[in-house]
Amino acid sequence: MSPAEVFILVLMVCFILTSILVLLAKKLVVVISAIGLGSVFLAVIFFIFDAPFAGAFELSVGAGLISVLFIIATSVSNRAVDEID
């Protein structure tokens, strides 16, 4: 195996591990962080496979926008729960 193939394999394993972490994590902040990190790994894989538009879109929307929206929703929902109690 060439070093490039090993690097791609490592990225794919990291992506799979973050996906499993999303499914098994108990805390919402860990889930949000794992989703963002998984999106970064997937974007790098897209760039390696010569799909720069898909990589850029995944990086900006998947890792950036979705993670920020989840964090905002989590903070708003925590405030709503605190106000009820």
Protein backbone atom coordinates (compact mmCIF):
# COMPACT_ATOMS: atom_id res chain seq x y z
CA MET A 1 0.00 0.00 0.00
CA SER A 2 1.20 3.45 -0.81
CA PRO A 3 1.28 6.21 1.83
CA ALA A 4 -1.65 7.94 0.12
CA GLU A 5 -3.79 4.80 0.40
CA VAL A 6 -2.86 4.44 4.05
CA PHE A 7 -3.83 8.09 4.67
CA ILE A 8 -7.21 7.58 2.97
CA LEU A 9 -7.78 4.43 5.00
CA VAL A 10 -6.97 6.26 8.24
CA LEU A 11 -9.39 9.06 7.30
CA MET A 12 -12.15 6.57 6.55
CA VAL A 13 -11.59 4.76 9.84
CA CYS A 14 -11.70 8.09 11.69
CA PHE A 15 -14.95 8.97 9.90
CA ILE A 16 -16.48 5.62 10.88
CA LEU A 17 -15.35 6.04 14.49
CA THR A 18 -16.90 9.50 14.74
CA SER A 19 -20.11 8.12 13.26
CA ILE A 20 -20.19 5.41 15.91
CA LEU A 21 -19.50 8.05 18.57
CA VAL A 22 -22.53 10.00 17.33
CA LEU A 23 -24.69 6.93 17.84
CA LEU A 24 -23.33 5.96 21.25
CA ALA A 25 -22.67 9.28 22.99
CA LYS A 26 -24.94 10.28 25.86
CA LYS A 27 -24.17 14.00 26.00
CA LEU A 28 -25.52 16.26 23.30
CA VAL A 29 -22.39 18.41 23.14
CA VAL A 30 -20.29 15.33 22.37
CA VAL A 31 -22.73 14.35 19.62
CA ILE A 32 -22.57 17.82 18.06
CA SER A 33 -18.77 17.85 18.18
CA ALA A 34 -18.58 14.38 16.64
CA ILE A 35 -20.91 15.41 13.80
CA GLY A 36 -18.69 18.39 13.03
CA LEU A 37 -15.52 16.33 13.21
CA GLY A 38 -17.02 13.63 11.01
CA SER A 39 -17.94 16.27 8.45
CA VAL A 40 -14.35 17.50 8.44
CA PHE A 41 -13.04 13.97 7.82
CA LEU A 42 -15.57 13.48 5.01
CA ALA A 43 -14.62 16.82 3.43
CA VAL A 44 -10.93 15.86 3.43
CA ILE A 45 -11.84 12.55 1.77
CA PHE A 46 -13.77 14.45 -0.91
CA PHE A 47 -10.79 16.72 -1.54
CA ILE A 48 -8.46 13.73 -1.88
CA PHE A 49 -10.80 12.12 -4.42
CA ASP A 50 -10.72 15.30 -6.56
CA ALA A 51 -14.18 16.51 -5.66
CA PRO A 52 -13.35 20.02 -4.42
CA PHE A 53 -16.89 21.39 -4.70
CA ALA A 54 -18.33 18.52 -2.67
CA GLY A 55 -15.51 18.91 -0.14
CA ALA A 56 -16.01 22.65 0.19
CA PHE A 57 -19.77 22.25 0.50
CA GLU A 58 -19.42 19.53 3.15
CA LEU A 59 -16.88 21.59 5.06
CA SER A 60 -18.95 24.78 5.02
CA VAL A 61 -22.40 23.29 5.56
CA GLY A 62 -21.72 20.05 7.40
CA ALA A 63 -18.95 21.11 9.72
CA GLY A 64 -19.79 24.79 9.95
CA LEU A 65 -23.44 25.65 9.61
CA ILE A 66 -25.05 22.50 10.99
CA SER A 67 -22.73 22.38 14.02
CA VAL A 68 -23.40 26.03 14.83
CA LEU A 69 -27.15 25.56 14.48
CA PHE A 70 -27.08 22.52 16.76
CA ILE A 71 -25.08 24.42 19.38
CA ILE A 72 -27.52 27.35 19.26
CA ALA A 73 -30.50 25.00 19.53
CA THR A 74 -28.91 23.23 22.48
CA SER A 75 -28.27 26.47 24.35
CA VAL A 76 -31.81 27.71 23.66
CA SER A 77 -33.36 24.44 24.80
CA ASN A 78 -31.24 24.43 27.97
CA ARG A 79 -32.47 27.94 28.76
CA ALA A 80 -36.09 26.89 28.18
CA VAL A 81 -35.68 23.93 30.55
CA ASP A 82 -34.09 26.20 33.19
CA GLU A 83 -37.00 28.63 32.94
CA ILE A 84 -39.56 25.85 33.40
CA ASP A 85 -37.83 24.53 36.53
